[in-house]
């Protein structure tokens, strides 16, 4: 080739330069089946391709939701009315009137000291007036003064059960349970068949939380005197609280037979209560 031809060819190449080759790893069209090189594959980045797919999916979901709500969703006929709640005019519950029976926890009925006019004849004259004064003070609610009189009587004549029983009552009014228990036990030691002392000790045992001992003492008082009403009444209260309705009714009926009532209304209330708990 002549020098002129070489010069012309070189000049033509400078007017039409070849595009630079870009490395294939910058594009996604290379690889197997993709047609390697700059002309055989796509020139879009991989990230741009996945974004387009995601947008298409979201578009289809949105169009499907709109179509469902517009064409496929069941139509409502209108606002639903809530049916009114049926109301029934019920009568008010009956008012249960509590039977005014004394509670065993209050140790009622506790036997009061024997009035001076009925003081047993076996009380020595040396303490008869002392006991009478103590009982008068006790009835007036002057329990500390009555306590001193009964204590004086037991010191003068320690073998008189009545004086110890009265002393126990006075101690009980002062909430001195231990002293009251000792006084009652002394009275029972001197007279084992002393129903008033047995009943009073039973009432004290209830206040002290020993209900079993109380029931046994009430039964002993009834054994000593089957006509003694207070022991029947206290035992009836215990049996009712224990759910022993049959025994409770028996004891209430015995109380009604032997008790002397000055309040007729109170007797009627007890009779009504017995009818309510009859098993």
Protein backbone atom coordinates (compact mmCIF):
# COMPACT_ATOMS: atom_id res chain seq x y z
CA UNK A 1 0.00 0.00 0.00
CA UNK A 2 1.23 3.41 -0.87
CA UNK A 3 1.92 6.04 1.65
CA UNK A 4 -0.94 8.12 0.32
CA UNK A 5 -3.48 5.29 0.91
CA UNK A 6 -2.27 4.81 4.52
CA UNK A 7 -2.63 8.48 5.22
CA UNK A 8 -6.19 8.59 3.85
CA UNK A 9 -7.26 5.56 5.88
CA UNK A 10 -5.85 7.01 9.08
CA UNK A 11 -7.67 10.28 8.47
CA UNK A 12 -11.01 8.42 7.93
CA UNK A 13 -10.55 6.57 11.21
CA UNK A 14 -10.09 9.78 13.13
CA UNK A 15 -13.40 11.13 11.71
CA UNK A 16 -15.40 7.97 12.78
CA UNK A 17 -14.07 6.91 16.21
CA UNK A 18 -15.34 3.57 17.75
CA UNK A 19 -17.48 3.84 20.94
CA UNK A 20 -15.66 2.89 24.09
CA UNK A 21 -16.34 -0.57 25.47
CA UNK A 22 -18.12 -0.56 28.84
CA UNK A 23 -17.45 -3.49 31.18
CA UNK A 24 -20.32 -6.00 31.11
CA UNK A 25 -20.60 -6.32 34.86
CA UNK A 26 -22.27 -2.88 34.97
CA UNK A 27 -25.35 -4.24 33.11
CA UNK A 28 -27.79 -7.13 33.50
CA UNK A 29 -27.97 -8.44 29.95
CA UNK A 30 -24.88 -10.68 30.05
CA UNK A 31 -24.58 -14.28 31.10
CA UNK A 32 -26.13 -17.45 29.85
CA UNK A 33 -28.91 -16.99 27.31
CA UNK A 34 -28.79 -13.24 27.77
CA UNK A 35 -26.56 -12.41 24.83
CA UNK A 36 -23.34 -11.11 26.36
CA UNK A 37 -21.71 -7.87 25.42
CA UNK A 38 -23.06 -4.37 25.15
CA UNK A 39 -25.61 -5.22 22.46
CA UNK A 40 -27.02 -8.61 23.54
CA UNK A 41 -28.73 -7.69 26.94
CA UNK A 42 -30.82 -5.05 28.66
CA UNK A 43 -29.19 -1.85 29.68
CA UNK A 44 -31.49 -1.31 32.83
CA UNK A 45 -30.02 -1.84 36.28
CA UNK A 46 -31.32 -4.88 38.27
CA UNK A 47 -32.76 -2.59 41.04
CA UNK A 48 -34.86 -0.66 38.55
CA UNK A 49 -36.33 -3.93 37.21
CA UNK A 50 -37.55 -5.13 40.67
CA UNK A 51 -39.07 -1.74 41.45
CA UNK A 52 -41.14 -1.90 38.29
CA UNK A 53 -42.44 -5.38 39.23
CA UNK A 54 -43.41 -4.17 42.72
CA UNK A 55 -45.30 -1.21 41.30
CA UNK A 56 -47.21 -3.44 38.91
CA UNK A 57 -48.23 -5.79 41.76
CA UNK A 58 -49.47 -2.91 43.92
CA UNK A 59 -51.42 -1.53 40.99
CA UNK A 60 -53.16 -4.87 40.39
CA UNK A 61 -54.03 -5.20 44.09
CA UNK A 62 -55.50 -1.71 44.18
CA UNK A 63 -57.54 -2.32 41.04
CA UNK A 64 -58.80 -5.65 42.41
CA UNK A 65 -59.92 -4.05 45.70
CA UNK A 66 -61.79 -1.30 43.91
CA UNK A 67 -63.51 -3.82 41.65
CA UNK A 68 -64.55 -5.99 44.63
CA UNK A 69 -66.04 -3.15 46.64
CA UNK A 70 -67.80 -1.70 43.61
CA UNK A 71 -69.12 -4.80 41.86
CA UNK A 72 -68.84 -7.88 44.08
CA UNK A 73 -69.57 -6.62 47.63
CA UNK A 74 -73.19 -7.44 48.67
CA UNK A 75 -75.35 -4.37 48.80
CA UNK A 76 -77.07 -3.37 52.05
CA UNK A 77 -80.70 -2.52 51.91
CA UNK A 78 -80.27 0.41 54.26
CA UNK A 79 -79.37 1.23 57.88
CA UNK A 80 -80.12 -1.65 60.21
CA UNK A 81 -82.52 -0.93 63.06
CA UNK A 82 -81.67 -2.36 66.46
CA UNK A 83 -84.79 -3.98 67.90
CA UNK A 84 -85.86 -2.48 71.20
CA UNK A 85 -85.06 -4.47 74.34
CA UNK A 86 -88.17 -5.97 75.85
CA UNK A 87 -88.80 -4.62 79.32
CA UNK A 88 -90.76 -6.46 81.96
CA UNK A 89 -92.29 -4.67 84.89
CA UNK A 90 -91.11 -6.95 87.69
CA UNK A 91 -92.39 -6.34 91.19
CA UNK A 92 -89.74 -5.12 93.65
CA UNK A 93 -88.17 -7.86 95.79
CA UNK A 94 -89.89 -8.34 99.09
CA UNK A 95 -88.29 -6.63 102.03
CA UNK A 96 -87.03 -9.29 104.38
CA UNK A 97 -87.67 -8.21 107.91
CA UNK A 98 -84.98 -9.49 110.19
CA UNK A 99 -86.26 -11.37 113.18
CA UNK A 100 -85.08 -9.47 116.24
CA UNK A 101 -83.52 -12.46 117.92
CA UNK A 102 -80.47 -11.85 120.08
CA UNK A 103 -77.20 -12.98 118.55
CA UNK A 104 -75.23 -15.69 120.38
CA UNK A 105 -72.09 -13.61 119.94
CA UNK A 106 -73.68 -11.05 122.22
CA UNK A 107 -74.13 -13.69 124.91
CA UNK A 108 -77.86 -13.06 125.14
CA UNK A 109 -79.90 -13.76 127.09
CA UNK A 110 -77.44 -13.63 129.95
CA UNK A 111 -78.94 -14.30 133.33
CA UNK A 112 -79.03 -11.24 135.51
CA UNK A 113 -78.34 -11.48 139.24
CA UNK A 114 -81.22 -12.78 141.28
CA UNK A 115 -83.28 -9.86 142.66
CA UNK A 116 -82.96 -9.27 146.38
CA UNK A 117 -86.56 -10.29 147.01
CA UNK A 118 -85.85 -13.78 145.62
CA UNK A 119 -82.39 -14.30 147.10
CA UNK A 120 -82.10 -18.00 148.08
CA UNK A 121 -82.55 -18.73 151.71
CA UNK A 122 -79.18 -20.49 151.84
CA UNK A 123 -77.37 -17.15 151.50
CA UNK A 124 -75.90 -16.27 154.90
CA UNK A 125 -77.19 -13.14 156.55
CA UNK A 126 -73.63 -11.84 156.73
CA UNK A 127 -73.57 -11.21 152.96
CA UNK A 128 -77.27 -10.95 152.08
CA UNK A 129 -77.27 -7.18 152.29
CA UNK A 130 -73.96 -6.99 150.39
CA UNK A 131 -75.35 -9.07 147.52
CA UNK A 132 -78.55 -7.03 147.56
CA UNK A 133 -76.58 -3.80 147.24
CA UNK A 134 -74.47 -5.26 144.43
CA UNK A 135 -77.55 -6.38 142.51
CA UNK A 136 -79.13 -2.93 142.86
CA UNK A 137 -75.99 -1.30 141.50
CA UNK A 138 -75.80 -3.87 138.68
CA UNK A 139 -79.40 -3.19 137.64
CA UNK A 140 -78.59 0.53 137.53
CA UNK A 141 -75.70 -0.09 135.18
CA UNK A 142 -73.06 0.75 137.78
CA UNK A 143 -70.95 -2.31 137.05
CA UNK A 144 -67.65 -1.30 138.71
CA UNK A 145 -69.46 -0.54 141.99
CA UNK A 146 -71.46 -3.77 141.74
CA UNK A 147 -68.24 -5.67 141.12
CA UNK A 148 -66.80 -4.42 144.39
CA UNK A 149 -69.87 -5.55 146.32
CA UNK A 150 -69.84 -9.05 144.81
CA UNK A 151 -66.12 -9.36 145.41
CA UNK A 152 -66.70 -8.41 149.03
CA UNK A 153 -69.39 -11.07 149.34
CA UNK A 154 -67.08 -13.81 148.00
CA UNK A 155 -64.36 -12.74 150.37
CA UNK A 156 -66.70 -12.93 153.36
CA UNK A 157 -68.41 -16.17 152.35
CA UNK A 158 -66.38 -17.96 149.64
CA UNK A 159 -68.66 -21.02 149.70
CA UNK A 160 -71.76 -19.25 148.31
CA UNK A 161 -72.24 -20.11 144.61
CA UNK A 162 -74.65 -17.22 144.02
CA UNK A 163 -72.02 -14.65 144.98
CA UNK A 164 -69.53 -16.16 142.50
CA UNK A 165 -72.10 -16.22 139.72
CA UNK A 166 -72.91 -12.56 140.31
CA UNK A 167 -69.20 -11.74 140.38
CA UNK A 168 -68.79 -13.48 137.03
CA UNK A 169 -71.56 -11.33 135.54
CA UNK A 170 -69.92 -8.14 136.78
CA UNK A 171 -66.53 -9.17 135.36
CA UNK A 172 -68.19 -9.96 132.03
CA UNK A 173 -69.64 -6.45 131.90
CA UNK A 174 -66.11 -5.14 132.37
CA UNK A 175 -64.92 -7.33 129.43
CA UNK A 176 -62.65 -9.23 131.80
CA UNK A 177 -63.35 -12.67 130.34
CA UNK A 178 -60.69 -14.57 132.23
CA UNK A 179 -61.89 -13.32 135.62
CA UNK A 180 -65.50 -13.98 134.63
CA UNK A 181 -64.66 -17.54 133.57
CA UNK A 182 -62.87 -18.20 136.88
CA UNK A 183 -65.85 -16.88 138.85
CA UNK A 184 -68.36 -19.01 136.92
CA UNK A 185 -66.21 -22.11 137.31
CA UNK A 186 -66.04 -21.48 141.04
CA UNK A 187 -69.82 -21.24 141.22
CA UNK A 188 -70.19 -24.52 139.28
CA UNK A 189 -67.59 -26.16 141.47
CA UNK A 190 -69.69 -25.28 144.50
CA UNK A 191 -72.96 -26.29 142.79
CA UNK A 192 -72.61 -28.55 139.72
CA UNK A 193 -76.38 -28.31 139.03
CA UNK A 194 -76.48 -24.53 138.96
CA UNK A 195 -78.28 -23.80 135.63
CA UNK A 196 -77.74 -20.02 135.71
CA UNK A 197 -73.98 -20.36 136.17
CA UNK A 198 -73.78 -23.06 133.47
CA UNK A 199 -75.75 -20.91 131.02
CA UNK A 200 -73.70 -17.79 131.79
CA UNK A 201 -70.45 -19.69 131.29
CA UNK A 202 -71.81 -20.98 127.97
CA UNK A 203 -72.61 -17.44 126.84
CA UNK A 204 -69.10 -16.40 127.84
CA UNK A 205 -67.60 -19.26 125.82
CA UNK A 206 -69.39 -17.95 122.74
CA UNK A 207 -67.85 -14.53 123.29
CA UNK A 208 -64.47 -16.25 123.60
CA UNK A 209 -64.99 -18.17 120.33
CA UNK A 210 -65.49 -21.68 121.76
CA UNK A 211 -68.92 -22.59 120.41
CA UNK A 212 -68.60 -26.32 121.05
CA UNK A 213 -67.96 -25.77 124.75
CA UNK A 214 -70.89 -23.35 124.82
CA UNK A 215 -73.28 -25.95 123.40
CA UNK A 216 -72.17 -28.52 125.98
CA UNK A 217 -72.70 -26.04 128.82
CA UNK A 218 -76.19 -25.12 127.59
CA UNK A 219 -77.09 -28.82 127.52
CA UNK A 220 -75.76 -29.25 131.05
CA UNK A 221 -77.90 -26.31 132.17
CA UNK A 222 -80.96 -27.98 130.62
CA UNK A 223 -80.07 -31.26 132.32
CA UNK A 224 -79.88 -29.41 135.63
CA UNK A 225 -83.25 -27.73 135.01
CA UNK A 226 -85.29 -28.77 131.96
CA UNK A 227 -87.58 -25.78 132.48
CA UNK A 228 -84.81 -23.20 132.43
CA UNK A 229 -85.74 -21.12 129.33
CA UNK A 230 -82.54 -19.14 128.68
CA UNK A 231 -80.45 -22.26 128.09
CA UNK A 232 -83.06 -23.54 125.60
CA UNK A 233 -82.97 -20.22 123.77
CA UNK A 234 -79.17 -19.97 123.55
CA UNK A 235 -78.88 -23.59 122.43
CA UNK A 236 -81.53 -22.98 119.75
CA UNK A 237 -79.49 -20.08 118.39
CA UNK A 238 -76.38 -22.25 118.19
CA UNK A 239 -78.19 -25.12 116.49
CA UNK A 240 -79.71 -22.78 113.92
CA UNK A 241 -76.33 -21.29 113.05
CA UNK A 242 -74.93 -24.80 112.62
CA UNK A 243 -77.75 -25.69 110.23
CA UNK A 244 -79.30 -28.21 112.63
CA UNK A 245 -82.85 -27.00 112.00
CA UNK A 246 -84.64 -29.85 113.76
CA UNK A 247 -82.79 -29.32 117.04
CA UNK A 248 -83.17 -25.56 116.74
CA UNK A 249 -86.95 -25.86 116.37
CA UNK A 250 -87.14 -28.18 119.39
CA UNK A 251 -85.19 -25.78 121.57
CA UNK A 252 -87.18 -22.74 120.41
CA UNK A 253 -90.41 -24.56 121.23
CA UNK A 254 -89.10 -25.49 124.67
CA UNK A 255 -88.20 -21.86 125.23
CA UNK A 256 -91.71 -20.77 124.25
CA UNK A 257 -93.22 -23.27 126.67
CA UNK A 258 -91.13 -22.36 129.70
CA UNK A 259 -90.42 -18.65 129.24
CA UNK A 260 -92.58 -16.00 130.83
CA UNK A 261 -93.18 -13.21 128.35
CA UNK A 262 -94.01 -9.68 129.28
CA UNK A 263 -93.78 -8.68 125.59
CA UNK A 264 -96.44 -10.52 123.60
CA UNK A 265 -95.11 -9.16 120.30
CA UNK A 266 -91.70 -10.69 120.99
CA UNK A 267 -93.28 -14.08 121.62
CA UNK A 268 -95.20 -13.82 118.34
CA UNK A 269 -92.04 -13.00 116.43
CA UNK A 270 -90.29 -16.05 117.82
CA UNK A 271 -93.27 -18.22 116.91
CA UNK A 272 -93.17 -16.83 113.36
CA UNK A 273 -89.44 -17.46 113.17
CA UNK A 274 -89.95 -21.07 114.22
CA UNK A 275 -92.50 -21.58 111.43
CA UNK A 276 -90.00 -20.18 108.90
CA UNK A 277 -87.22 -22.60 109.82
CA UNK A 278 -89.29 -25.74 110.30
CA UNK A 279 -87.48 -28.41 108.20
